[in-house]
C-alpha atoms as a PDB file:
ATOM      1  CA  UNK A   1      30.349  46.888 241.794  1.00  0.00           C
ATOM      2  CA  UNK A   2      32.306  50.075 242.421  1.00  0.00           C
ATOM      3  CA  UNK A   3      35.348  48.604 240.709  1.00  0.00           C
ATOM      4  CA  UNK A   4      33.285  47.556 237.695  1.00  0.00           C
ATOM      5  CA  UNK A   5      31.805  51.055 237.511  1.00  0.00           C
ATOM      6  CA  UNK A   6      35.216  52.683 237.627  1.00  0.00           C
ATOM      7  CA  UNK A   7      36.497  50.347 234.856  1.00  0.00           C
ATOM      8  CA  UNK A   8      33.513  51.143 232.693  1.00  0.00           C
ATOM      9  CA  UNK A   9      34.099  54.870 233.151  1.00  0.00           C
ATOM     10  CA  UNK A  10      37.810  54.458 232.160  1.00  0.00           C
ATOM     11  CA  UNK A  11      36.878  52.358 229.110  1.00  0.00           C
ATOM     12  CA  UNK A  12      34.246  54.882 228.011  1.00  0.00           C
ATOM     13  CA  UNK A  13      36.694  57.731 228.452  1.00  0.00           C
ATOM     14  CA  UNK A  14      39.237  55.879 226.283  1.00  0.00           C
ATOM     15  CA  UNK A  15      36.703  55.305 223.516  1.00  0.00           C
ATOM     16  CA  UNK A  16      35.645  58.954 223.607  1.00  0.00           C
ATOM     17  CA  UNK A  17      39.319  60.089 223.501  1.00  0.00           C
ATOM     18  CA  UNK A  18      40.049  57.780 220.575  1.00  0.00           C
ATOM     19  CA  UNK A  19      37.029  58.980 218.611  1.00  0.00           C
ATOM     20  CA  UNK A  20      37.860  62.553 219.444  1.00  0.00           C
ATOM     21  CA  UNK A  21      41.456  62.056 218.266  1.00  0.00           C
ATOM     22  CA  UNK A  22      40.288  60.518 214.976  1.00  0.00           C
ATOM     23  CA  UNK A  23      37.850  63.346 214.388  1.00  0.00           C
ATOM     24  CA  UNK A  24      40.611  65.826 215.125  1.00  0.00           C
ATOM     25  CA  UNK A  25      42.863  64.270 212.477  1.00  0.00           C
ATOM     26  CA  UNK A  26      39.981  64.119 209.998  1.00  0.00           C
ATOM     27  CA  UNK A  27      39.217  67.774 210.691  1.00  0.00           C
ATOM     28  CA  UNK A  28      42.847  68.776 210.166  1.00  0.00           C
ATOM     29  CA  UNK A  29      42.948  66.719 206.963  1.00  0.00           C
ATOM     30  CA  UNK A  30      39.838  68.522 205.718  1.00  0.00           C
ATOM     31  CA  UNK A  31      41.400  71.910 206.457  1.00  0.00           C
ATOM     32  CA  UNK A  32      44.599  70.856 204.699  1.00  0.00           C
ATOM     33  CA  UNK A  33      42.678  69.857 201.593  1.00  0.00           C
ATOM     34  CA  UNK A  34      41.018  73.258 201.540  1.00  0.00           C
ATOM     35  CA  UNK A  35      44.303  75.156 201.564  1.00  0.00           C
ATOM     36  CA  UNK A  36      46.329  72.595 199.605  1.00  0.00           C
ATOM     37  CA  UNK A  37      43.971  71.227 196.961  1.00  0.00           C
ATOM     38  CA  UNK A  38      45.101  68.061 195.214  1.00  0.00           C
ATOM     39  CA  UNK A  39      46.403  68.826 191.742  1.00  0.00           C
ATOM     40  CA  UNK A  40      44.901  66.467 189.210  1.00  0.00           C
ATOM     41  CA  UNK A  41      47.408  64.483 187.154  1.00  0.00           C
ATOM     42  CA  UNK A  42      47.511  66.076 183.701  1.00  0.00           C
ATOM     43  CA  UNK A  43      46.508  63.806 180.889  1.00  0.00           C
ATOM     44  CA  UNK A  44      49.283  63.550 178.303  1.00  0.00           C
ATOM     45  CA  UNK A  45      48.351  64.445 174.746  1.00  0.00           C
ATOM     46  CA  UNK A  46      49.007  61.741 172.174  1.00  0.00           C
ATOM     47  CA  UNK A  47      52.187  62.303 170.168  1.00  0.00           C
ATOM     48  CA  UNK A  48      51.318  62.859 166.522  1.00  0.00           C
ATOM     49  CA  UNK A  49      53.965  61.479 164.167  1.00  0.00           C
ATOM     50  CA  UNK A  50      54.153  63.431 160.893  1.00  0.00           C
ATOM     51  CA  UNK A  51      53.275  61.419 157.823  1.00  0.00           C
ATOM     52  CA  UNK A  52      56.096  60.775 155.320  1.00  0.00           C
ATOM     53  CA  UNK A  53      56.392  63.360 152.568  1.00  0.00           C
ATOM     54  CA  UNK A  54      55.640  62.448 148.979  1.00  0.00           C
ATOM     55  CA  UNK A  55      57.675  65.382 147.732  1.00  0.00           C
ATOM     56  CA  UNK A  56      59.743  68.272 148.986  1.00  0.00           C
ATOM     57  CA  UNK A  57      61.018  71.525 147.514  1.00  0.00           C
ATOM     58  CA  UNK A  58      64.710  71.697 148.320  1.00  0.00           C
ATOM     59  CA  UNK A  59      67.248  73.118 145.845  1.00  0.00           C
ATOM     60  CA  UNK A  60      70.369  71.024 145.253  1.00  0.00           C
ATOM     61  CA  UNK A  61      73.047  73.178 143.632  1.00  0.00           C
ATOM     62  CA  UNK A  62      75.637  71.534 141.345  1.00  0.00           C
ATOM     63  CA  UNK A  63      79.143  73.038 141.285  1.00  0.00           C
ATOM     64  CA  UNK A  64      82.253  71.825 139.464  1.00  0.00           C
ATOM     65  CA  UNK A  65      85.185  74.264 139.407  1.00  0.00           C
ATOM     66  CA  UNK A  66      85.574  77.152 141.848  1.00  0.00           C
ATOM     67  CA  UNK A  67      88.697  78.915 140.625  1.00  0.00           C
ATOM     68  CA  UNK A  68      90.045  81.696 138.430  1.00  0.00           C
ATOM     69  CA  UNK A  69      90.413  79.943 135.075  1.00  0.00           C
ATOM     70  CA  UNK A  70      93.821  80.726 133.576  1.00  0.00           C
ATOM     71  CA  UNK A  71      93.165  79.486 130.059  1.00  0.00           C
ATOM     72  CA  UNK A  72      90.381  81.545 128.471  1.00  0.00           C
ATOM     73  CA  UNK A  73      90.355  79.091 125.588  1.00  0.00           C
ATOM     74  CA  UNK A  74      89.174  76.274 127.876  1.00  0.00           C
ATOM     75  CA  UNK A  75      85.513  76.935 127.175  1.00  0.00           C
ATOM     76  CA  UNK A  76      84.248  73.829 129.005  1.00  0.00           C
ATOM     77  CA  UNK A  77      86.108  74.784 132.160  1.00  0.00           C
ATOM     78  CA  UNK A  78      84.885  78.361 131.855  1.00  0.00           C
ATOM     79  CA  UNK A  79      81.307  77.123 131.485  1.00  0.00           C
ATOM     80  CA  UNK A  80      81.518  74.927 134.606  1.00  0.00           C
ATOM     81  CA  UNK A  81      83.388  77.472 136.711  1.00  0.00           C
ATOM     82  CA  UNK A  82      82.317  79.781 139.540  1.00  0.00           C
ATOM     83  CA  UNK A  83      84.932  82.306 140.629  1.00  0.00           C
ATOM     84  CA  UNK A  84      85.986  82.204 144.314  1.00  0.00           C
ATOM     85  CA  UNK A  85      84.868  85.851 144.683  1.00  0.00           C
ATOM     86  CA  UNK A  86      81.353  85.082 143.416  1.00  0.00           C
ATOM     87  CA  UNK A  87      81.205  81.901 145.484  1.00  0.00           C
ATOM     88  CA  UNK A  88      82.175  83.805 148.620  1.00  0.00           C
ATOM     89  CA  UNK A  89      79.477  86.376 147.846  1.00  0.00           C
ATOM     90  CA  UNK A  90      76.891  83.629 147.366  1.00  0.00           C
ATOM     91  CA  UNK A  91      77.724  81.981 150.687  1.00  0.00           C
ATOM     92  CA  UNK A  92      77.633  85.335 152.473  1.00  0.00           C
ATOM     93  CA  UNK A  93      74.206  86.044 151.003  1.00  0.00           C
ATOM     94  CA  UNK A  94      72.954  82.631 152.123  1.00  0.00           C
ATOM     95  CA  UNK A  95      74.350  83.163 155.616  1.00  0.00           C
ATOM     96  CA  UNK A  96      72.956  86.681 155.968  1.00  0.00           C
ATOM     97  CA  UNK A  97      69.543  85.419 154.851  1.00  0.00           C
ATOM     98  CA  UNK A  98      69.604  82.639 157.496  1.00  0.00           C
ATOM     99  CA  UNK A  99      69.844  79.686 155.120  1.00  0.00           C
ATOM    100  CA  UNK A 100      70.727  76.261 156.469  1.00  0.00           C
ATOM    101  CA  UNK A 101      72.514  73.544 154.531  1.00  0.00           C
ATOM    102  CA  UNK A 102      71.973  69.798 154.346  1.00  0.00           C
ATOM    103  CA  UNK A 103      73.909  66.817 153.057  1.00  0.00           C
ATOM    104  CA  UNK A 104      72.428  64.789 150.204  1.00  0.00           C
ATOM    105  CA  UNK A 105      72.330  61.799 152.565  1.00  0.00           C
ATOM    106  CA  UNK A 106      69.856  63.740 154.748  1.00  0.00           C
ATOM    107  CA  UNK A 107      67.192  63.858 152.020  1.00  0.00           C
ATOM    108  CA  UNK A 108      65.741  60.306 152.352  1.00  0.00           C
ATOM    109  CA  UNK A 109      65.431  60.734 156.134  1.00  0.00           C
ATOM    110  CA  UNK A 110      63.733  64.132 155.765  1.00  0.00           C
ATOM    111  CA  UNK A 111      61.154  62.720 153.358  1.00  0.00           C
ATOM    112  CA  UNK A 112      60.564  59.671 155.557  1.00  0.00           C
ATOM    113  CA  UNK A 113      60.227  61.670 158.785  1.00  0.00           C
ATOM    114  CA  UNK A 114      57.705  64.133 157.376  1.00  0.00           C
ATOM    115  CA  UNK A 115      59.472  67.005 159.127  1.00  0.00           C
ATOM    116  CA  UNK A 116      59.507  69.748 156.517  1.00  0.00           C
ATOM    117  CA  UNK A 117      62.671  71.880 156.725  1.00  0.00           C
ATOM    118  CA  UNK A 118      62.478  75.642 156.587  1.00  0.00           C
ATOM    119  CA  UNK A 119      62.039  77.234 153.171  1.00  0.00           C
ATOM    120  CA  UNK A 120      65.494  78.724 153.616  1.00  0.00           C
ATOM    121  CA  UNK A 121      67.287  75.417 153.104  1.00  0.00           C
ATOM    122  CA  UNK A 122      69.728  74.338 150.417  1.00  0.00           C
ATOM    123  CA  UNK A 123      72.089  71.488 149.466  1.00  0.00           C
ATOM    124  CA  UNK A 124      75.520  72.303 148.010  1.00  0.00           C
ATOM    125  CA  UNK A 125      77.177  69.628 145.841  1.00  0.00           C
ATOM    126  CA  UNK A 126      80.544  69.551 144.059  1.00  0.00           C
ATOM    127  CA  UNK A 127      81.345  67.015 141.348  1.00  0.00           C
ATOM    128  CA  UNK A 128      84.612  65.273 140.385  1.00  0.00           C
ATOM    129  CA  UNK A 129      86.932  66.108 143.307  1.00  0.00           C
ATOM    130  CA  UNK A 130      89.037  68.906 141.853  1.00  0.00           C
ATOM    131  CA  UNK A 131      91.885  70.333 143.911  1.00  0.00           C
ATOM    132  CA  UNK A 132      90.330  73.805 143.859  1.00  0.00           C
ATOM    133  CA  UNK A 133      87.646  72.479 146.213  1.00  0.00           C
ATOM    134  CA  UNK A 134      90.258  71.987 148.911  1.00  0.00           C
ATOM    135  CA  UNK A 135      92.027  75.267 148.095  1.00  0.00           C
ATOM    136  CA  UNK A 136      89.085  77.624 147.510  1.00  0.00           C
ATOM    137  CA  UNK A 137      85.808  76.054 148.634  1.00  0.00           C
ATOM    138  CA  UNK A 138      86.687  74.319 151.884  1.00  0.00           C
ATOM    139  CA  UNK A 139      88.028  77.471 153.616  1.00  0.00           C
ATOM    140  CA  UNK A 140      84.840  79.353 152.740  1.00  0.00           C
ATOM    141  CA  UNK A 141      82.596  76.527 153.943  1.00  0.00           C
ATOM    142  CA  UNK A 142      84.456  76.595 157.264  1.00  0.00           C
ATOM    143  CA  UNK A 143      84.183  80.381 157.373  1.00  0.00           C
ATOM    144  CA  UNK A 144      80.401  80.326 157.032  1.00  0.00           C
ATOM    145  CA  UNK A 145      79.919  76.908 158.707  1.00  0.00           C
ATOM    146  CA  UNK A 146      78.036  75.426 155.769  1.00  0.00           C
ATOM    147  CA  UNK A 147      77.805  71.757 154.807  1.00  0.00           C
ATOM    148  CA  UNK A 148      78.527  70.335 151.354  1.00  0.00           C
ATOM    149  CA  UNK A 149      78.577  66.990 149.555  1.00  0.00           C
ATOM    150  CA  UNK A 150      81.508  66.130 147.266  1.00  0.00           C
ATOM    151  CA  UNK A 151      81.341  63.465 144.544  1.00  0.00           C
ATOM    152  CA  UNK A 152      84.753  61.900 144.011  1.00  0.00           C
ATOM    153  CA  UNK A 153      86.024  60.059 140.918  1.00  0.00           C
ATOM    154  CA  UNK A 154      87.735  57.315 142.896  1.00  0.00           C
ATOM    155  CA  UNK A 155      90.573  56.452 140.488  1.00  0.00           C
ATOM    156  CA  UNK A 156      91.438  60.126 139.915  1.00  0.00           C
ATOM    157  CA  UNK A 157      92.450  60.784 143.526  1.00  0.00           C
ATOM    158  CA  UNK A 158      95.984  62.228 143.551  1.00  0.00           C
ATOM    159  CA  UNK A 159      96.120  62.971 139.823  1.00  0.00           C
ATOM    160  CA  UNK A 160      97.217  66.469 138.733  1.00  0.00           C
ATOM    161  CA  UNK A 161      94.349  68.896 139.322  1.00  0.00           C
ATOM    162  CA  UNK A 162      92.508  66.519 141.676  1.00  0.00           C
ATOM    163  CA  UNK A 163      92.558  66.271 145.463  1.00  0.00           C
ATOM    164  CA  UNK A 164      94.947  63.931 147.212  1.00  0.00           C
ATOM    165  CA  UNK A 165      93.948  61.225 149.656  1.00  0.00           C
ATOM    166  CA  UNK A 166      95.179  63.256 152.630  1.00  0.00           C
ATOM    167  CA  UNK A 167      93.226  66.323 151.514  1.00  0.00           C
ATOM    168  CA  UNK A 168      90.012  64.332 151.182  1.00  0.00           C
ATOM    169  CA  UNK A 169      90.628  62.740 154.577  1.00  0.00           C
ATOM    170  CA  UNK A 170      90.890  66.204 156.109  1.00  0.00           C
ATOM    171  CA  UNK A 171      87.553  67.140 154.519  1.00  0.00           C
ATOM    172  CA  UNK A 172      85.898  64.007 155.871  1.00  0.00           C
ATOM    173  CA  UNK A 173      87.307  64.626 159.343  1.00  0.00           C
ATOM    174  CA  UNK A 174      85.908  68.178 159.401  1.00  0.00           C
ATOM    175  CA  UNK A 175      82.312  67.011 159.863  1.00  0.00           C
ATOM    176  CA  UNK A 176      80.958  69.507 157.320  1.00  0.00           C
ATOM    177  CA  UNK A 177      81.651  67.399 154.222  1.00  0.00           C
ATOM    178  CA  UNK A 178      79.741  64.338 152.993  1.00  0.00           C
ATOM    179  CA  UNK A 179      81.718  61.973 150.761  1.00  0.00           C
ATOM    180  CA  UNK A 180      79.797  60.660 147.748  1.00  0.00           C
ATOM    181  CA  UNK A 181      80.714  58.372 144.833  1.00  0.00           C
ATOM    182  CA  UNK A 182      81.080  59.465 141.206  1.00  0.00           C
ATOM    183  CA  UNK A 183      82.310  56.169 139.641  1.00  0.00           C
ATOM    184  CA  UNK A 184      85.900  54.993 139.199  1.00  0.00           C
ATOM    185  CA  UNK A 185      86.800  56.832 135.973  1.00  0.00           C
ATOM    186  CA  UNK A 186      83.804  59.072 135.062  1.00  0.00           C
ATOM    187  CA  UNK A 187      82.380  57.186 132.039  1.00  0.00           C
ATOM    188  CA  UNK A 188      78.942  57.694 130.498  1.00  0.00           C
ATOM    189  CA  UNK A 189      77.229  54.876 132.364  1.00  0.00           C
ATOM    190  CA  UNK A 190      74.468  54.282 129.829  1.00  0.00           C
ATOM    191  CA  UNK A 191      76.978  54.069 126.954  1.00  0.00           C
ATOM    192  CA  UNK A 192      79.277  51.353 128.291  1.00  0.00           C
ATOM    193  CA  UNK A 193      78.705  47.584 128.672  1.00  0.00           C
ATOM    194  CA  UNK A 194      76.425  46.648 131.550  1.00  0.00           C
ATOM    195  CA  UNK A 195      79.070  44.654 133.412  1.00  0.00           C
ATOM    196  CA  UNK A 196      81.515  47.564 133.186  1.00  0.00           C
ATOM    197  CA  UNK A 197      78.874  49.998 134.480  1.00  0.00           C
ATOM    198  CA  UNK A 198      78.280  47.721 137.451  1.00  0.00           C
ATOM    199  CA  UNK A 199      82.002  47.633 138.258  1.00  0.00           C
ATOM    200  CA  UNK A 200      82.173  51.430 138.033  1.00  0.00           C
ATOM    201  CA  UNK A 201      79.289  51.861 140.495  1.00  0.00           C
ATOM    202  CA  UNK A 202      80.088  49.124 143.014  1.00  0.00           C
ATOM    203  CA  UNK A 203      83.843  49.659 142.755  1.00  0.00           C
ATOM    204  CA  UNK A 204      83.719  53.391 143.475  1.00  0.00           C
ATOM    205  CA  UNK A 205      81.715  52.898 146.653  1.00  0.00           C
ATOM    206  CA  UNK A 206      83.993  50.091 147.859  1.00  0.00           C
ATOM    207  CA  UNK A 207      87.204  51.999 147.148  1.00  0.00           C
ATOM    208  CA  UNK A 208      86.095  55.215 148.851  1.00  0.00           C
ATOM    209  CA  UNK A 209      84.855  53.375 151.935  1.00  0.00           C
ATOM    210  CA  UNK A 210      88.113  51.416 152.212  1.00  0.00           C
ATOM    211  CA  UNK A 211      90.240  54.549 151.813  1.00  0.00           C
ATOM    212  CA  UNK A 212      88.367  56.869 154.162  1.00  0.00           C
ATOM    213  CA  UNK A 213      86.548  54.499 156.554  1.00  0.00           C
ATOM    214  CA  UNK A 214      83.159  56.238 156.307  1.00  0.00           C
ATOM    215  CA  UNK A 215      79.866  55.080 154.783  1.00  0.00           C
ATOM    216  CA  UNK A 216      79.417  56.330 151.217  1.00  0.00           C
ATOM    217  CA  UNK A 217      75.647  56.388 150.757  1.00  0.00           C
ATOM    218  CA  UNK A 218      74.914  58.738 147.835  1.00  0.00           C
ATOM    219  CA  UNK A 219      75.924  58.722 144.171  1.00  0.00           C
ATOM    220  CA  UNK A 220      76.083  61.178 141.256  1.00  0.00           C
ATOM    221  CA  UNK A 221      75.772  60.019 137.633  1.00  0.00           C
ATOM    222  CA  UNK A 222      78.752  61.315 135.589  1.00  0.00           C
ATOM    223  CA  UNK A 223      77.479  63.815 133.065  1.00  0.00           C
ATOM    224  CA  UNK A 224      73.947  62.951 134.148  1.00  0.00           C
ATOM    225  CA  UNK A 225      74.158  59.758 132.062  1.00  0.00           C
ATOM    226  CA  UNK A 226      71.998  56.871 133.298  1.00  0.00           C
ATOM    227  CA  UNK A 227      69.156  54.517 132.385  1.00  0.00           C
ATOM    228  CA  UNK A 228      66.925  52.037 134.214  1.00  0.00           C
ATOM    229  CA  UNK A 229      69.631  49.375 134.401  1.00  0.00           C
ATOM    230  CA  UNK A 230      72.114  51.875 135.881  1.00  0.00           C
ATOM    231  CA  UNK A 231      69.558  52.978 138.467  1.00  0.00           C
ATOM    232  CA  UNK A 232      69.034  49.361 139.529  1.00  0.00           C
ATOM    233  CA  UNK A 233      72.797  48.891 139.951  1.00  0.00           C
ATOM    234  CA  UNK A 234      72.954  51.990 142.154  1.00  0.00           C
ATOM    235  CA  UNK A 235      70.163  50.591 144.321  1.00  0.00           C
ATOM    236  CA  UNK A 236      71.834  47.164 144.502  1.00  0.00           C
ATOM    237  CA  UNK A 237      75.062  48.825 145.641  1.00  0.00           C
ATOM    238  CA  UNK A 238      73.147  50.051 148.726  1.00  0.00           C
ATOM    239  CA  UNK A 239      73.205  53.745 147.923  1.00  0.00           C
ATOM    240  CA  UNK A 240      70.262  55.637 149.432  1.00  0.00           C
ATOM    241  CA  UNK A 241      69.966  58.368 146.762  1.00  0.00           C
ATOM    242  CA  UNK A 242      71.493  59.473 143.462  1.00  0.00           C
ATOM    243  CA  UNK A 243      71.803  62.807 141.680  1.00  0.00           C
ATOM    244  CA  UNK A 244      71.172  63.682 138.055  1.00  0.00           C
ATOM    245  CA  UNK A 245      71.859  66.866 136.093  1.00  0.00           C
ATOM    246  CA  UNK A 246      68.176  67.390 135.308  1.00  0.00           C
ATOM    247  CA  UNK A 247      67.010  70.856 136.405  1.00  0.00           C
ATOM    248  CA  UNK A 248      64.460  71.203 139.195  1.00  0.00           C
ATOM    249  CA  UNK A 249      63.978  71.837 142.895  1.00  0.00           C
ATOM    250  CA  UNK A 250      61.169  69.378 143.721  1.00  0.00           C
ATOM    251  CA  UNK A 251      62.395  66.099 145.180  1.00  0.00           C
ATOM    252  CA  UNK A 252      60.062  63.096 145.047  1.00  0.00           C
ATOM    253  CA  UNK A 253      60.180  60.271 147.583  1.00  0.00           C
ATOM    254  CA  UNK A 254      59.604  57.663 144.863  1.00  0.00           C
ATOM    255  CA  UNK A 255      62.425  59.094 142.705  1.00  0.00           C
ATOM    256  CA  UNK A 256      65.300  59.212 145.197  1.00  0.00           C
ATOM    257  CA  UNK A 257      67.652  57.839 142.539  1.00  0.00           C
ATOM    258  CA  UNK A 258      66.811  60.576 140.040  1.00  0.00           C
ATOM    259  CA  UNK A 259      67.126  63.723 142.142  1.00  0.00           C
ATOM    260  CA  UNK A 260      67.312  66.969 140.136  1.00  0.00           C
ATOM    261  CA  UNK A 261      69.830  69.757 140.606  1.00  0.00           C
ATOM    262  CA  UNK A 262      70.205  73.379 139.634  1.00  0.00           C
ATOM    263  CA  UNK A 263      73.353  75.111 138.418  1.00  0.00           C
ATOM    264  CA  UNK A 264      74.986  77.992 140.315  1.00  0.00           C
ATOM    265  CA  UNK A 265      73.568  80.541 137.867  1.00  0.00           C
ATOM    266  CA  UNK A 266      70.083  79.748 139.099  1.00  0.00           C
ATOM    267  CA  UNK A 267      71.246  80.399 142.643  1.00  0.00           C
ATOM    268  CA  UNK A 268      72.252  83.948 141.767  1.00  0.00           C
ATOM    269  CA  UNK A 269      69.022  84.975 140.066  1.00  0.00           C
ATOM    270  CA  UNK A 270      66.422  84.891 142.890  1.00  0.00           C
ATOM    271  CA  UNK A 271      68.687  85.398 145.861  1.00  0.00           C
ATOM    272  CA  UNK A 272      71.994  87.028 145.057  1.00  0.00           C
ATOM    273  CA  UNK A 273      70.656  89.808 142.850  1.00  0.00           C
ATOM    274  CA  UNK A 274      68.119  90.917 145.449  1.00  0.00           C
ATOM    275  CA  UNK A 275      70.772  90.694 148.143  1.00  0.00           C
ATOM    276  CA  UNK A 276      73.166  92.770 146.013  1.00  0.00           C
ATOM    277  CA  UNK A 277      70.477  95.410 145.535  1.00  0.00           C
ATOM    278  CA  UNK A 278      69.754  95.587 149.252  1.00  0.00           C
ATOM    279  CA  UNK A 279      73.422  95.781 150.073  1.00  0.00           C
ATOM    280  CA  UNK A 280      74.341  98.614 147.719  1.00  0.00           C
ATOM    281  CA  UNK A 281      71.114 100.485 146.985  1.00  0.00           C
ATOM    282  CA  UNK A 282      69.264 100.583 150.288  1.00  0.00           C
END
């Protein structure tokens, strides 16, 4: 009986020690929770995807020549020209006013994404592929780190007054120039036979892509000449957008193949004049 009593006492003591130990850990856990409260897991907010834009105000400026015209009797060239000095001044004004530039190929993606760019945004385009772009425009674009889109007449590459293949390749390699198509020989697309217009559109894209090994995804109608059939050919050729010469700054998502442009003179009126006044008369 004495042995049984001693065993019972040892067993009871073990139970009491075990319970005491558990209570001790529970007590310490309670204290820990008081001084180190559990941080609730934050609930993530749902990501709201912007709806596609139906329209967008984004000026696309259309340049041709940027040079000092030597022949004052060449009235067409004079009309389409912007002097390098004025062009430099325009780019400086854009830079000082914190403008950012886009490629034409960016426009469909901007409209689809619904992400509205800042109001101080602009697209610079240059038609035909004249040599003065390489000589006068490209150095200034690099100086101010602005982007531009050039529209090349594919069969005129290397002709007198036009850029060479190596010059265009250097532009493409720079990363600040988008290469766009401007037909093979610059005809009025709505005035020539349908099959010839198709060759001009498809052929220019194919030739430029083979020469420079980059996707050519945007197109400019020579002289702004087009009709419904021409637009359908441009779509069939897998271009994503096309430019006209119609004036305007509002781009519509359902008219990506009839995008308007403004001429350099419009650029100088709202921005350059005010900048000039601030610069010299402040």
